[in-house]
Amino acid sequence: MTKCVPIRDMKDTARFSCFVEEAGEPISVTKNGYDHLVVMTTEVYNDLNTQLAEAKLLASIAQAELDIVSGDLVDGEAHIATMREKYGY
């Protein structure tokens, strides 16, 4: 479960930094009782970005498989020829 702390806890930066590192997950920081910030270690941030990239890749692969099944395809050589003709490359 995500941990939640008030923004005043950030005043003691060394203690707050240790708290974030020990949590191993994003920390929600509140201001006046409402979510205001999310703080996390670089390692957690990089892991989240990796998971997001993997999810996007899997979604692209799933869409490509659906396109193949539905026959929504373009001939590669014809497309390249059209691009060369259009852009003169």
Protein backbone atom coordinates (compact mmCIF):
# COMPACT_ATOMS: atom_id res chain seq x y z
CA MET A 1 0.00 0.00 0.00
CA THR A 2 1.30 3.45 -0.88
CA LYS A 3 2.65 5.42 2.04
CA CYS A 4 1.40 8.93 2.58
CA VAL A 5 3.12 11.72 4.52
CA PRO A 6 2.38 15.40 5.08
CA ILE A 7 4.60 17.91 3.30
CA ARG A 8 6.02 19.16 6.63
CA ASP A 9 7.83 15.79 6.97
CA MET A 10 10.06 16.87 4.09
CA LYS A 11 11.69 19.56 6.27
CA ASP A 12 14.07 17.03 7.78
CA THR A 13 15.58 16.12 4.43
CA ALA A 14 17.98 13.45 5.65
CA ARG A 15 15.25 11.61 7.57
CA PHE A 16 12.78 11.99 4.70
CA SER A 17 15.35 10.67 2.21
CA CYS A 18 15.92 7.57 4.36
CA PHE A 19 12.16 7.09 4.64
CA VAL A 20 11.77 7.17 0.84
CA GLU A 21 14.67 4.78 0.31
CA GLU A 22 13.35 2.30 2.88
CA ALA A 23 9.83 2.42 1.43
CA GLY A 24 10.97 1.01 -1.91
CA GLU A 25 7.88 2.48 -3.57
CA PRO A 26 6.52 5.92 -4.45
CA ILE A 27 5.56 8.06 -1.46
CA SER A 28 2.53 10.33 -1.67
CA VAL A 29 3.12 13.74 -0.08
CA THR A 30 0.05 15.67 0.98
CA LYS A 31 -0.50 19.40 1.38
CA ASN A 32 -3.51 20.57 3.38
CA GLY A 33 -4.81 17.00 3.36
CA TYR A 34 -4.73 16.59 -0.44
CA ASP A 35 -2.28 14.70 -2.64
CA HIS A 36 0.36 17.15 -3.81
CA LEU A 37 3.56 15.32 -4.77
CA VAL A 38 4.89 11.84 -5.40
CA VAL A 39 8.46 11.15 -4.34
CA MET A 40 10.48 8.04 -5.19
CA THR A 41 14.04 6.87 -5.55
CA THR A 42 15.71 6.88 -8.93
CA GLU A 43 15.70 3.07 -8.89
CA VAL A 44 11.91 2.93 -8.41
CA TYR A 45 11.45 5.60 -11.09
CA ASN A 46 13.59 3.67 -13.58
CA ASP A 47 11.70 0.44 -12.81
CA LEU A 48 8.37 2.19 -13.46
CA ASN A 49 9.67 3.57 -16.76
CA THR A 50 10.87 0.11 -17.79
CA GLN A 51 7.47 -1.39 -16.95
CA LEU A 52 5.73 1.33 -18.95
CA ALA A 53 7.99 0.77 -21.96
CA GLU A 54 7.35 -2.98 -21.81
CA ALA A 55 3.60 -2.42 -21.63
CA LYS A 56 3.70 -0.10 -24.66
CA LEU A 57 5.77 -2.65 -26.60
CA LEU A 58 3.37 -5.47 -25.75
CA ALA A 59 0.41 -3.29 -26.80
CA SER A 60 2.11 -2.57 -30.13
CA ILE A 61 2.78 -6.26 -30.69
CA ALA A 62 -0.83 -7.13 -29.84
CA GLN A 63 -2.08 -4.48 -32.29
CA ALA A 64 0.24 -5.81 -35.02
CA GLU A 65 -1.09 -9.33 -34.45
CA LEU A 66 -4.67 -8.05 -34.74
CA ASP A 67 -3.75 -6.23 -37.97
CA ILE A 68 -2.29 -9.44 -39.39
CA VAL A 69 -5.39 -11.44 -38.50
CA SER A 70 -7.72 -8.82 -39.98
CA GLY A 71 -5.61 -8.51 -43.12
CA ASP A 72 -4.90 -4.82 -42.52
CA LEU A 73 -1.47 -5.01 -44.14
CA VAL A 74 0.64 -2.92 -46.50
CA ASP A 75 3.21 -4.40 -48.87
CA GLY A 76 6.60 -3.28 -47.56
CA GLU A 77 8.35 -2.92 -50.92
CA ALA A 78 5.45 -0.96 -52.39
CA HIS A 79 5.39 1.35 -49.38
CA ILE A 80 9.15 1.98 -49.59
CA ALA A 81 8.84 2.73 -53.30
CA THR A 82 6.03 5.21 -52.57
CA MET A 83 8.11 6.94 -49.90
CA ARG A 84 11.14 7.17 -52.20
CA GLU A 85 8.98 8.59 -54.94
CA LYS A 86 7.36 11.08 -52.58
CA TYR A 87 10.55 12.25 -50.84
CA GLY A 88 13.08 11.59 -53.61
CA TYR A 89 15.43 9.50 -51.55
